[in-house]
Amino acid sequence: MSGTQGPSDDVYDAEGYDESQRAEILEVTGDGPDDGALLTDLNPDLGGSEDDDDDLDELSMADDEIGEEDDDADEDEDDLDEDDIQDDFDDDDVDEDDLDEELDDPDDVALRP
């Protein structure tokens, strides 16, 4: 090696790709040689008809239908208290002292487990 470098010795072509990138681009686009890479084994999407599975994605519920509540489900006393407090929050009728008493969970207990 003489230590000098010519203007085209950087292995980049005019588009800015090196030899390995250029080979990958040629292989994917089909304008280059095929060496059996997995990319060539893919079935191309030719933009034809869409998948026929679209009807599987549709729900059979109407927009005004709602689920039913299970009356046999056991509700914990703490869950019922939280539901009552949430109702108070929704009605903007919350007292901080009542909140600690109802939940039996003051801030210092919640912040220091």
PDB file of N, CA and C in Angstrom:
ATOM      1  N   MET A   1       0.837  -1.179   0.000  1.00  0.00           N
ATOM      2  CA  MET A   1       0.000   0.000   0.000  1.00  0.00           C
ATOM      3  C   MET A   1       0.879   1.238   0.000  1.00  0.00           C
ATOM      4  N   SER A   2       0.524   2.135  -0.810  1.00  0.00           N
ATOM      5  CA  SER A   2       1.332   3.338  -0.935  1.00  0.00           C
ATOM      6  C   SER A   2       0.865   4.446  -0.019  1.00  0.00           C
ATOM      7  N   GLY A   3      -0.327   4.323   0.567  1.00  0.00           N
ATOM      8  CA  GLY A   3      -0.821   5.354   1.459  1.00  0.00           C
ATOM      9  C   GLY A   3      -1.594   6.442   0.763  1.00  0.00           C
ATOM     10  N   THR A   4      -1.713   6.363  -0.537  1.00  0.00           N
ATOM     11  CA  THR A   4      -2.498   7.363  -1.255  1.00  0.00           C
ATOM     12  C   THR A   4      -3.865   6.787  -1.575  1.00  0.00           C
ATOM     13  N   GLN A   5      -4.804   7.647  -1.640  1.00  0.00           N
ATOM     14  CA  GLN A   5      -6.170   7.220  -1.894  1.00  0.00           C
ATOM     15  C   GLN A   5      -6.716   8.002  -3.072  1.00  0.00           C
ATOM     16  N   GLY A   6      -7.275   7.269  -4.017  1.00  0.00           N
ATOM     17  CA  GLY A   6      -7.853   7.906  -5.183  1.00  0.00           C
ATOM     18  C   GLY A   6      -9.249   8.411  -4.893  1.00  0.00           C
ATOM     19  N   PRO A   7      -9.826   9.179  -5.784  1.00  0.00           N
ATOM     20  CA  PRO A   7     -11.134   9.778  -5.545  1.00  0.00           C
ATOM     21  C   PRO A   7     -12.281   8.770  -5.461  1.00  0.00           C
ATOM     22  N   SER A   8     -12.160   7.583  -6.048  1.00  0.00           N
ATOM     23  CA  SER A   8     -13.275   6.644  -6.024  1.00  0.00           C
ATOM     24  C   SER A   8     -12.961   5.392  -5.203  1.00  0.00           C
ATOM     25  N   ASP A   9     -12.049   5.466  -4.259  1.00  0.00           N
ATOM     26  CA  ASP A   9     -11.670   4.302  -3.459  1.00  0.00           C
ATOM     27  C   ASP A   9     -12.517   4.137  -2.202  1.00  0.00           C
ATOM     28  N   ASP A  10     -13.546   4.913  -2.021  1.00  0.00           N
ATOM     29  CA  ASP A  10     -14.324   4.849  -0.782  1.00  0.00           C
ATOM     30  C   ASP A  10     -15.471   3.837  -0.839  1.00  0.00           C
ATOM     31  N   VAL A  11     -15.598   3.032  -1.843  1.00  0.00           N
ATOM     32  CA  VAL A  11     -16.579   1.976  -2.083  1.00  0.00           C
ATOM     33  C   VAL A  11     -18.029   2.456  -2.011  1.00  0.00           C
ATOM     34  N   TYR A  12     -18.289   3.722  -2.045  1.00  0.00           N
ATOM     35  CA  TYR A  12     -19.654   4.246  -2.093  1.00  0.00           C
ATOM     36  C   TYR A  12     -19.965   4.640  -3.525  1.00  0.00           C
ATOM     37  N   ASP A  13     -21.185   4.339  -3.962  1.00  0.00           N
ATOM     38  CA  ASP A  13     -21.562   4.722  -5.315  1.00  0.00           C
ATOM     39  C   ASP A  13     -22.146   6.133  -5.314  1.00  0.00           C
ATOM     40  N   ALA A  14     -22.639   6.564  -6.437  1.00  0.00           N
ATOM     41  CA  ALA A  14     -23.128   7.936  -6.577  1.00  0.00           C
ATOM     42  C   ALA A  14     -24.343   8.209  -5.700  1.00  0.00           C
ATOM     43  N   GLU A  15     -25.115   7.166  -5.329  1.00  0.00           N
ATOM     44  CA  GLU A  15     -26.307   7.361  -4.511  1.00  0.00           C
ATOM     45  C   GLU A  15     -26.005   7.300  -3.018  1.00  0.00           C
ATOM     46  N   GLY A  16     -24.753   7.030  -2.657  1.00  0.00           N
ATOM     47  CA  GLY A  16     -24.376   7.020  -1.254  1.00  0.00           C
ATOM     48  C   GLY A  16     -24.440   5.671  -0.579  1.00  0.00           C
ATOM     49  N   TYR A  17     -24.633   4.589  -1.328  1.00  0.00           N
ATOM     50  CA  TYR A  17     -24.695   3.251  -0.745  1.00  0.00           C
ATOM     51  C   TYR A  17     -23.346   2.560  -0.899  1.00  0.00           C
ATOM     52  N   ASP A  18     -22.958   1.775   0.106  1.00  0.00           N
ATOM     53  CA  ASP A  18     -21.754   0.971  -0.068  1.00  0.00           C
ATOM     54  C   ASP A  18     -22.121  -0.316  -0.804  1.00  0.00           C
ATOM     55  N   GLU A  19     -21.133  -1.178  -1.047  1.00  0.00           N
ATOM     56  CA  GLU A  19     -21.372  -2.354  -1.884  1.00  0.00           C
ATOM     57  C   GLU A  19     -22.404  -3.305  -1.282  1.00  0.00           C
ATOM     58  N   SER A  20     -22.361  -3.540   0.035  1.00  0.00           N
ATOM     59  CA  SER A  20     -23.298  -4.491   0.638  1.00  0.00           C
ATOM     60  C   SER A  20     -24.724  -3.934   0.631  1.00  0.00           C
ATOM     61  N   GLN A  21     -24.873  -2.634   0.884  1.00  0.00           N
ATOM     62  CA  GLN A  21     -26.208  -2.034   0.840  1.00  0.00           C
ATOM     63  C   GLN A  21     -26.764  -2.076  -0.579  1.00  0.00           C
ATOM     64  N   ARG A  22     -25.913  -1.810  -1.531  1.00  0.00           N
ATOM     65  CA  ARG A  22     -26.341  -1.818  -2.934  1.00  0.00           C
ATOM     66  C   ARG A  22     -26.788  -3.224  -3.341  1.00  0.00           C
ATOM     67  N   ALA A  23     -26.067  -4.255  -2.862  1.00  0.00           N
ATOM     68  CA  ALA A  23     -26.427  -5.633  -3.190  1.00  0.00           C
ATOM     69  C   ALA A  23     -27.786  -5.989  -2.598  1.00  0.00           C
ATOM     70  N   GLU A  24     -28.050  -5.545  -1.368  1.00  0.00           N
ATOM     71  CA  GLU A  24     -29.342  -5.821  -0.745  1.00  0.00           C
ATOM     72  C   GLU A  24     -30.471  -5.132  -1.504  1.00  0.00           C
ATOM     73  N   ILE A  25     -30.242  -3.907  -1.912  1.00  0.00           N
ATOM     74  CA  ILE A  25     -31.267  -3.166  -2.650  1.00  0.00           C
ATOM     75  C   ILE A  25     -31.547  -3.843  -3.987  1.00  0.00           C
ATOM     76  N   LEU A  26     -30.507  -4.256  -4.675  1.00  0.00           N
ATOM     77  CA  LEU A  26     -30.706  -4.920  -5.959  1.00  0.00           C
ATOM     78  C   LEU A  26     -31.450  -6.234  -5.794  1.00  0.00           C
ATOM     79  N   GLU A  27     -31.134  -6.963  -4.721  1.00  0.00           N
ATOM     80  CA  GLU A  27     -31.785  -8.247  -4.504  1.00  0.00           C
ATOM     81  C   GLU A  27     -33.262  -8.075  -4.179  1.00  0.00           C
ATOM     82  N   VAL A  28     -33.595  -7.097  -3.358  1.00  0.00           N
ATOM     83  CA  VAL A  28     -34.982  -6.877  -2.968  1.00  0.00           C
ATOM     84  C   VAL A  28     -35.807  -6.356  -4.138  1.00  0.00           C
ATOM     85  N   THR A  29     -35.251  -5.461  -4.896  1.00  0.00           N
ATOM     86  CA  THR A  29     -36.007  -4.891  -6.005  1.00  0.00           C
ATOM     87  C   THR A  29     -36.085  -5.827  -7.203  1.00  0.00           C
ATOM     88  N   GLY A  30     -35.302  -6.892  -7.197  1.00  0.00           N
ATOM     89  CA  GLY A  30     -35.360  -7.857  -8.286  1.00  0.00           C
ATOM     90  C   GLY A  30     -34.469  -7.517  -9.450  1.00  0.00           C
ATOM     91  N   ASP A  31     -33.678  -6.469  -9.330  1.00  0.00           N
ATOM     92  CA  ASP A  31     -32.800  -6.078 -10.427  1.00  0.00           C
ATOM     93  C   ASP A  31     -31.402  -6.649 -10.274  1.00  0.00           C
ATOM     94  N   GLY A  32     -31.217  -7.563  -9.352  1.00  0.00           N
ATOM     95  CA  GLY A  32     -29.884  -8.094  -9.121  1.00  0.00           C
ATOM     96  C   GLY A  32     -29.895  -9.598  -9.049  1.00  0.00           C
ATOM     97  N   PRO A  33     -28.736 -10.189  -8.842  1.00  0.00           N
ATOM     98  CA  PRO A  33     -28.645 -11.649  -8.769  1.00  0.00           C
ATOM     99  C   PRO A  33     -29.308 -12.180  -7.506  1.00  0.00           C
ATOM    100  N   ASP A  34     -29.794 -13.400  -7.566  1.00  0.00           N
ATOM    101  CA  ASP A  34     -30.483 -14.033  -6.445  1.00  0.00           C
ATOM    102  C   ASP A  34     -29.573 -15.093  -5.848  1.00  0.00           C
ATOM    103  N   ASP A  35     -29.286 -14.979  -4.556  1.00  0.00           N
ATOM    104  CA  ASP A  35     -28.458 -15.993  -3.910  1.00  0.00           C
ATOM    105  C   ASP A  35     -29.277 -16.862  -2.960  1.00  0.00           C
ATOM    106  N   GLY A  36     -30.601 -16.830  -3.043  1.00  0.00           N
ATOM    107  CA  GLY A  36     -31.449 -17.670  -2.216  1.00  0.00           C
ATOM    108  C   GLY A  36     -31.713 -17.112  -0.839  1.00  0.00           C
ATOM    109  N   ALA A  37     -31.531 -15.828  -0.634  1.00  0.00           N
ATOM    110  CA  ALA A  37     -31.795 -15.222   0.669  1.00  0.00           C
ATOM    111  C   ALA A  37     -33.291 -15.266   0.956  1.00  0.00           C
ATOM    112  N   LEU A  38     -33.648 -15.175   2.221  1.00  0.00           N
ATOM    113  CA  LEU A  38     -35.049 -15.244   2.618  1.00  0.00           C
ATOM    114  C   LEU A  38     -35.889 -14.133   2.008  1.00  0.00           C
ATOM    115  N   LEU A  39     -35.284 -13.001   1.730  1.00  0.00           N
ATOM    116  CA  LEU A  39     -36.050 -11.897   1.166  1.00  0.00           C
ATOM    117  C   LEU A  39     -36.688 -12.265  -0.164  1.00  0.00           C
ATOM    118  N   THR A  40     -36.033 -13.107  -0.923  1.00  0.00           N
ATOM    119  CA  THR A  40     -36.590 -13.474  -2.222  1.00  0.00           C
ATOM    120  C   THR A  40     -37.651 -14.551  -2.102  1.00  0.00           C
ATOM    121  N   ASP A  41     -37.753 -15.194  -0.930  1.00  0.00           N
ATOM    122  CA  ASP A  41     -38.740 -16.249  -0.738  1.00  0.00           C
ATOM    123  C   ASP A  41     -40.099 -15.713  -0.309  1.00  0.00           C
ATOM    124  N   LEU A  42     -40.209 -14.423  -0.065  1.00  0.00           N
ATOM    125  CA  LEU A  42     -41.469 -13.841   0.373  1.00  0.00           C
ATOM    126  C   LEU A  42     -42.417 -13.670  -0.811  1.00  0.00           C
ATOM    127  N   ASN A  43     -43.685 -13.892  -0.550  1.00  0.00           N
ATOM    128  CA  ASN A  43     -44.682 -13.644  -1.590  1.00  0.00           C
ATOM    129  C   ASN A  43     -44.917 -12.144  -1.690  1.00  0.00           C
ATOM    130  N   PRO A  44     -44.771 -11.570  -2.850  1.00  0.00           N
ATOM    131  CA  PRO A  44     -44.935 -10.115  -2.970  1.00  0.00           C
ATOM    132  C   PRO A  44     -46.394  -9.698  -2.847  1.00  0.00           C
ATOM    133  N   ASP A  45     -46.601  -8.527  -2.301  1.00  0.00           N
ATOM    134  CA  ASP A  45     -47.934  -7.948  -2.235  1.00  0.00           C
ATOM    135  C   ASP A  45     -48.126  -7.141  -3.511  1.00  0.00           C
ATOM    136  N   LEU A  46     -48.922  -7.657  -4.391  1.00  0.00           N
ATOM    137  CA  LEU A  46     -49.102  -7.015  -5.688  1.00  0.00           C
ATOM    138  C   LEU A  46     -50.236  -6.005  -5.697  1.00  0.00           C
ATOM    139  N   GLY A  47     -50.773  -5.707  -4.516  1.00  0.00           N
ATOM    140  CA  GLY A  47     -51.816  -4.702  -4.432  1.00  0.00           C
ATOM    141  C   GLY A  47     -53.151  -5.180  -4.943  1.00  0.00           C
ATOM    142  N   GLY A  48     -53.369  -6.466  -4.974  1.00  0.00           N
ATOM    143  CA  GLY A  48     -54.633  -7.015  -5.459  1.00  0.00           C
ATOM    144  C   GLY A  48     -55.718  -6.882  -4.414  1.00  0.00           C
ATOM    145  N   SER A  49     -56.588  -7.872  -4.354  1.00  0.00           N
ATOM    146  CA  SER A  49     -57.718  -7.815  -3.425  1.00  0.00           C
ATOM    147  C   SER A  49     -57.226  -7.901  -1.987  1.00  0.00           C
ATOM    148  N   GLU A  50     -57.969  -7.282  -1.124  1.00  0.00           N
ATOM    149  CA  GLU A  50     -57.650  -7.314   0.302  1.00  0.00           C
ATOM    150  C   GLU A  50     -57.935  -8.704   0.847  1.00  0.00           C
ATOM    151  N   ASP A  51     -57.457  -8.953   2.051  1.00  0.00           N
ATOM    152  CA  ASP A  51     -57.748 -10.239   2.685  1.00  0.00           C
ATOM    153  C   ASP A  51     -59.250 -10.417   2.845  1.00  0.00           C
ATOM    154  N   ASP A  52     -59.706 -11.638   2.705  1.00  0.00           N
ATOM    155  CA  ASP A  52     -61.128 -11.929   2.864  1.00  0.00           C
ATOM    156  C   ASP A  52     -61.508 -12.131   4.319  1.00  0.00           C
ATOM    157  N   ASP A  53     -60.557 -11.936   5.227  1.00  0.00           N
ATOM    158  CA  ASP A  53     -60.815 -12.136   6.652  1.00  0.00           C
ATOM    159  C   ASP A  53     -61.356 -10.881   7.326  1.00  0.00           C
ATOM    160  N   ASP A  54     -61.724  -9.875   6.576  1.00  0.00           N
ATOM    161  CA  ASP A  54     -62.212  -8.633   7.172  1.00  0.00           C
ATOM    162  C   ASP A  54     -63.481  -8.846   7.984  1.00  0.00           C
ATOM    163  N   ASP A  55     -64.313  -9.796   7.570  1.00  0.00           N
ATOM    164  CA  ASP A  55     -65.564 -10.012   8.294  1.00  0.00           C
ATOM    165  C   ASP A  55     -65.309 -10.619   9.671  1.00  0.00           C
ATOM    166  N   LEU A  56     -64.140 -11.199   9.902  1.00  0.00           N
ATOM    167  CA  LEU A  56     -63.823 -11.746  11.218  1.00  0.00           C
ATOM    168  C   LEU A  56     -63.574 -10.637  12.238  1.00  0.00           C
ATOM    169  N   ASP A  57     -63.190  -9.471  11.767  1.00  0.00           N
ATOM    170  CA  ASP A  57     -62.882  -8.370  12.667  1.00  0.00           C
ATOM    171  C   ASP A  57     -64.120  -7.628  13.151  1.00  0.00           C
ATOM    172  N   GLU A  58     -65.244  -7.842  12.536  1.00  0.00           N
ATOM    173  CA  GLU A  58     -66.449  -7.117  12.908  1.00  0.00           C
ATOM    174  C   GLU A  58     -67.069  -7.715  14.165  1.00  0.00           C
ATOM    175  N   LEU A  59     -67.541  -6.864  15.034  1.00  0.00           N
ATOM    176  CA  LEU A  59     -68.214  -7.308  16.246  1.00  0.00           C
ATOM    177  C   LEU A  59     -69.688  -7.527  15.956  1.00  0.00           C
ATOM    178  N   SER A  60     -70.274  -8.453  16.670  1.00  0.00           N
ATOM    179  CA  SER A  60     -71.690  -8.730  16.455  1.00  0.00           C
ATOM    180  C   SER A  60     -72.562  -7.968  17.444  1.00  0.00           C
ATOM    181  N   MET A  61     -72.011  -6.932  18.079  1.00  0.00           N
ATOM    182  CA  MET A  61     -72.778  -6.124  19.029  1.00  0.00           C
ATOM    183  C   MET A  61     -73.172  -4.807  18.379  1.00  0.00           C
ATOM    184  N   ALA A  62     -74.291  -4.292  18.792  1.00  0.00           N
ATOM    185  CA  ALA A  62     -74.698  -2.958  18.362  1.00  0.00           C
ATOM    186  C   ALA A  62     -74.049  -1.944  19.298  1.00  0.00           C
ATOM    187  N   ASP A  63     -73.968  -0.699  18.878  1.00  0.00           N
ATOM    188  CA  ASP A  63     -73.258   0.293  19.675  1.00  0.00           C
ATOM    189  C   ASP A  63     -73.981   0.666  20.963  1.00  0.00           C
ATOM    190  N   ASP A  64     -75.245   0.344  21.089  1.00  0.00           N
ATOM    191  CA  ASP A  64     -75.959   0.701  22.315  1.00  0.00           C
ATOM    192  C   ASP A  64     -76.092  -0.479  23.275  1.00  0.00           C
ATOM    193  N   GLU A  65     -75.519  -1.620  22.936  1.00  0.00           N
ATOM    194  CA  GLU A  65     -75.572  -2.775  23.825  1.00  0.00           C
ATOM    195  C   GLU A  65     -74.505  -2.651  24.904  1.00  0.00           C
ATOM    196  N   ILE A  66     -74.839  -3.111  26.091  1.00  0.00           N
ATOM    197  CA  ILE A  66     -73.866  -3.141  27.176  1.00  0.00           C
ATOM    198  C   ILE A  66     -73.892  -4.524  27.809  1.00  0.00           C
ATOM    199  N   GLY A  67     -72.829  -4.843  28.522  1.00  0.00           N
ATOM    200  CA  GLY A  67     -72.756  -6.128  29.196  1.00  0.00           C
ATOM    201  C   GLY A  67     -73.660  -6.153  30.412  1.00  0.00           C
ATOM    202  N   GLU A  68     -73.905  -7.352  30.901  1.00  0.00           N
ATOM    203  CA  GLU A  68     -74.760  -7.501  32.073  1.00  0.00           C
ATOM    204  C   GLU A  68     -73.902  -7.704  33.307  1.00  0.00           C
ATOM    205  N   GLU A  69     -74.412  -7.256  34.439  1.00  0.00           N
ATOM    206  CA  GLU A  69     -73.698  -7.401  35.696  1.00  0.00           C
ATOM    207  C   GLU A  69     -74.040  -8.753  36.307  1.00  0.00           C
ATOM    208  N   ASP A  70     -73.034  -9.422  36.841  1.00  0.00           N
ATOM    209  CA  ASP A  70     -73.230 -10.729  37.458  1.00  0.00           C
ATOM    210  C   ASP A  70     -73.692 -10.524  38.894  1.00  0.00           C
ATOM    211  N   ASP A  71     -74.940 -10.882  39.172  1.00  0.00           N
ATOM    212  CA  ASP A  71     -75.495 -10.690  40.514  1.00  0.00           C
ATOM    213  C   ASP A  71     -74.910 -11.665  41.524  1.00  0.00           C
ATOM    214  N   ASP A  72     -74.371 -12.776  41.059  1.00  0.00           N
ATOM    215  CA  ASP A  72     -73.818 -13.785  41.958  1.00  0.00           C
ATOM    216  C   ASP A  72     -72.380 -13.485  42.372  1.00  0.00           C
ATOM    217  N   ALA A  73     -71.776 -12.471  41.794  1.00  0.00           N
ATOM    218  CA  ALA A  73     -70.383 -12.162  42.113  1.00  0.00           C
ATOM    219  C   ALA A  73     -70.281 -11.634  43.541  1.00  0.00           C
ATOM    220  N   ASP A  74     -69.278 -12.127  44.260  1.00  0.00           N
ATOM    221  CA  ASP A  74     -69.042 -11.671  45.631  1.00  0.00           C
ATOM    222  C   ASP A  74     -68.253 -10.372  45.596  1.00  0.00           C
ATOM    223  N   GLU A  75     -68.791  -9.359  46.276  1.00  0.00           N
ATOM    224  CA  GLU A  75     -68.086  -8.089  46.343  1.00  0.00           C
ATOM    225  C   GLU A  75     -67.510  -7.916  47.734  1.00  0.00           C
ATOM    226  N   ASP A  76     -66.264  -7.520  47.766  1.00  0.00           N
ATOM    227  CA  ASP A  76     -65.563  -7.300  49.016  1.00  0.00           C
ATOM    228  C   ASP A  76     -66.066  -6.000  49.653  1.00  0.00           C
ATOM    229  N   GLU A  77     -66.032  -5.941  50.977  1.00  0.00           N
ATOM    230  CA  GLU A  77     -66.472  -4.735  51.692  1.00  0.00           C
ATOM    231  C   GLU A  77     -65.624  -3.525  51.296  1.00  0.00           C
ATOM    232  N   ASP A  78     -64.315  -3.741  51.111  1.00  0.00           N
ATOM    233  CA  ASP A  78     -63.441  -2.643  50.686  1.00  0.00           C
ATOM    234  C   ASP A  78     -63.824  -2.150  49.295  1.00  0.00           C
ATOM    235  N   ASP A  79     -64.199  -3.075  48.425  1.00  0.00           N
ATOM    236  CA  ASP A  79     -64.613  -2.676  47.082  1.00  0.00           C
ATOM    237  C   ASP A  79     -65.887  -1.839  47.120  1.00  0.00           C
ATOM    238  N   LEU A  80     -66.807  -2.214  47.983  1.00  0.00           N
ATOM    239  CA  LEU A  80     -68.046  -1.443  48.116  1.00  0.00           C
ATOM    240  C   LEU A  80     -67.764  -0.045  48.655  1.00  0.00           C
ATOM    241  N   ASP A  81     -66.833   0.059  49.640  1.00  0.00           N
ATOM    242  CA  ASP A  81     -66.452   1.373  50.167  1.00  0.00           C
ATOM    243  C   ASP A  81     -65.827   2.230  49.076  1.00  0.00           C
ATOM    244  N   GLU A  82     -64.968   1.625  48.279  1.00  0.00           N
ATOM    245  CA  GLU A  82     -64.335   2.377  47.196  1.00  0.00           C
ATOM    246  C   GLU A  82     -65.365   2.829  46.167  1.00  0.00           C
ATOM    247  N   ASP A  83     -66.358   1.998  45.915  1.00  0.00           N
ATOM    248  CA  ASP A  83     -67.421   2.391  44.985  1.00  0.00           C
ATOM    249  C   ASP A  83     -68.204   3.590  45.517  1.00  0.00           C
ATOM    250  N   ASP A  84     -68.480   3.589  46.835  1.00  0.00           N
ATOM    251  CA  ASP A  84     -69.186   4.721  47.438  1.00  0.00           C
ATOM    252  C   ASP A  84     -68.359   5.993  47.333  1.00  0.00           C
ATOM    253  N   ILE A  85     -67.080   5.879  47.586  1.00  0.00           N
ATOM    254  CA  ILE A  85     -66.207   7.056  47.507  1.00  0.00           C
ATOM    255  C   ILE A  85     -66.098   7.543  46.065  1.00  0.00           C
ATOM    256  N   GLN A  86     -66.041   6.618  45.124  1.00  0.00           N
ATOM    257  CA  GLN A  86     -65.993   7.024  43.720  1.00  0.00           C
ATOM    258  C   GLN A  86     -67.261   7.768  43.329  1.00  0.00           C
ATOM    259  N   ASP A  87     -68.398   7.321  43.836  1.00  0.00           N
ATOM    260  CA  ASP A  87     -69.648   8.041  43.585  1.00  0.00           C
ATOM    261  C   ASP A  87     -69.581   9.450  44.156  1.00  0.00           C
ATOM    262  N   ASP A  88     -68.972   9.594  45.353  1.00  0.00           N
ATOM    263  CA  ASP A  88     -68.801  10.925  45.941  1.00  0.00           C
ATOM    264  C   ASP A  88     -67.891  11.788  45.076  1.00  0.00           C
ATOM    265  N   PHE A  89     -66.819  11.199  44.557  1.00  0.00           N
ATOM    266  CA  PHE A  89     -65.927  11.942  43.662  1.00  0.00           C
ATOM    267  C   PHE A  89     -66.679  12.415  42.429  1.00  0.00           C
ATOM    268  N   ASP A  90     -67.482  11.544  41.887  1.00  0.00           N
ATOM    269  CA  ASP A  90     -68.240  11.897  40.690  1.00  0.00           C
ATOM    270  C   ASP A  90     -69.226  13.030  40.955  1.00  0.00           C
ATOM    271  N   ASP A  91     -69.742  13.095  42.180  1.00  0.00           N
ATOM    272  CA  ASP A  91     -70.691  14.142  42.552  1.00  0.00           C
ATOM    273  C   ASP A  91     -70.012  15.367  43.150  1.00  0.00           C
ATOM    274  N   ASP A  92     -68.678  15.388  43.180  1.00  0.00           N
ATOM    275  CA  ASP A  92     -67.896  16.477  43.796  1.00  0.00           C
ATOM    276  C   ASP A  92     -68.313  16.712  45.240  1.00  0.00           C
ATOM    277  N   ASP A  93     -68.528  15.645  45.975  1.00  0.00           N
ATOM    278  CA  ASP A  93     -68.967  15.730  47.363  1.00  0.00           C
ATOM    279  C   ASP A  93     -68.018  14.895  48.236  1.00  0.00           C
ATOM    280  N   VAL A  94     -66.738  15.307  48.284  1.00  0.00           N
ATOM    281  CA  VAL A  94     -65.732  14.535  49.010  1.00  0.00           C
ATOM    282  C   VAL A  94     -65.170  15.373  50.147  1.00  0.00           C
ATOM    283  N   ASP A  95     -65.140  14.781  51.323  1.00  0.00           N
ATOM    284  CA  ASP A  95     -64.519  15.403  52.487  1.00  0.00           C
ATOM    285  C   ASP A  95     -63.276  14.579  52.818  1.00  0.00           C
ATOM    286  N   GLU A  96     -62.122  15.234  52.944  1.00  0.00           N
ATOM    287  CA  GLU A  96     -60.863  14.523  53.166  1.00  0.00           C
ATOM    288  C   GLU A  96     -60.895  13.684  54.441  1.00  0.00           C
ATOM    289  N   ASP A  97     -61.494  14.196  55.516  1.00  0.00           N
ATOM    290  CA  ASP A  97     -61.555  13.434  56.766  1.00  0.00           C
ATOM    291  C   ASP A  97     -62.413  12.188  56.596  1.00  0.00           C
ATOM    292  N   ASP A  98     -63.549  12.341  55.937  1.00  0.00           N
ATOM    293  CA  ASP A  98     -64.407  11.187  55.680  1.00  0.00           C
ATOM    294  C   ASP A  98     -63.716  10.180  54.767  1.00  0.00           C
ATOM    295  N   LEU A  99     -62.914  10.708  53.866  1.00  0.00           N
ATOM    296  CA  LEU A  99     -62.209   9.844  52.929  1.00  0.00           C
ATOM    297  C   LEU A  99     -61.267   8.897  53.667  1.00  0.00           C
ATOM    298  N   ASP A 100     -60.478   9.430  54.609  1.00  0.00           N
ATOM    299  CA  ASP A 100     -59.560   8.591  55.379  1.00  0.00           C
ATOM    300  C   ASP A 100     -60.305   7.594  56.251  1.00  0.00           C
ATOM    301  N   GLU A 101     -61.426   8.021  56.830  1.00  0.00           N
ATOM    302  CA  GLU A 101     -62.189   7.122  57.689  1.00  0.00           C
ATOM    303  C   GLU A 101     -62.842   6.001  56.883  1.00  0.00           C
ATOM    304  N   GLU A 102     -63.406   6.349  55.749  1.00  0.00           N
ATOM    305  CA  GLU A 102     -64.105   5.345  54.952  1.00  0.00           C
ATOM    306  C   GLU A 102     -63.147   4.326  54.358  1.00  0.00           C
ATOM    307  N   LEU A 103     -62.011   4.789  53.900  1.00  0.00           N
ATOM    308  CA  LEU A 103     -61.054   3.870  53.297  1.00  0.00           C
ATOM    309  C   LEU A 103     -60.163   3.193  54.325  1.00  0.00           C
ATOM    310  N   ASP A 104     -60.100   3.743  55.531  1.00  0.00           N
ATOM    311  CA  ASP A 104     -59.208   3.228  56.561  1.00  0.00           C
ATOM    312  C   ASP A 104     -57.785   3.131  56.010  1.00  0.00           C
ATOM    313  N   ASP A 105     -57.404   4.165  55.266  1.00  0.00           N
ATOM    314  CA  ASP A 105     -56.100   4.173  54.614  1.00  0.00           C
ATOM    315  C   ASP A 105     -55.569   5.603  54.590  1.00  0.00           C
ATOM    316  N   PRO A 106     -55.100   6.105  55.736  1.00  0.00           N
ATOM    317  CA  PRO A 106     -54.585   7.476  55.745  1.00  0.00           C
ATOM    318  C   PRO A 106     -53.340   7.607  54.872  1.00  0.00           C
ATOM    319  N   ASP A 107     -52.997   8.839  54.550  1.00  0.00           N
ATOM    320  CA  ASP A 107     -51.877   9.092  53.652  1.00  0.00           C
ATOM    321  C   ASP A 107     -50.577   8.490  54.153  1.00  0.00           C
ATOM    322  N   ASP A 108     -50.306   8.577  55.452  1.00  0.00           N
ATOM    323  CA  ASP A 108     -49.023   8.084  55.947  1.00  0.00           C
ATOM    324  C   ASP A 108     -48.898   6.569  55.791  1.00  0.00           C
ATOM    325  N   VAL A 109     -49.993   5.843  55.890  1.00  0.00           N
ATOM    326  CA  VAL A 109     -49.946   4.394  55.686  1.00  0.00           C
ATOM    327  C   VAL A 109     -49.748   4.085  54.204  1.00  0.00           C
ATOM    328  N   ALA A 110     -50.411   4.841  53.353  1.00  0.00           N
ATOM    329  CA  ALA A 110     -50.310   4.601  51.916  1.00  0.00           C
ATOM    330  C   ALA A 110     -48.928   4.957  51.383  1.00  0.00           C
ATOM    331  N   LEU A 111     -48.311   5.987  51.950  1.00  0.00           N
ATOM    332  CA  LEU A 111     -47.010   6.425  51.460  1.00  0.00           C
ATOM    333  C   LEU A 111     -45.860   5.627  52.052  1.00  0.00           C
ATOM    334  N   ARG A 112     -46.083   4.965  53.174  1.00  0.00           N
ATOM    335  CA  ARG A 112     -45.027   4.154  53.804  1.00  0.00           C
ATOM    336  C   ARG A 112     -45.531   2.719  53.989  1.00  0.00           C
ATOM    337  N   PRO A 113     -45.403   1.914  52.966  1.00  0.00           N
ATOM    338  CA  PRO A 113     -45.944   0.542  53.046  1.00  0.00           C
ATOM    339  C   PRO A 113     -45.193  -0.336  54.036  1.00  0.00           C
TER     340      PRO A 113
END
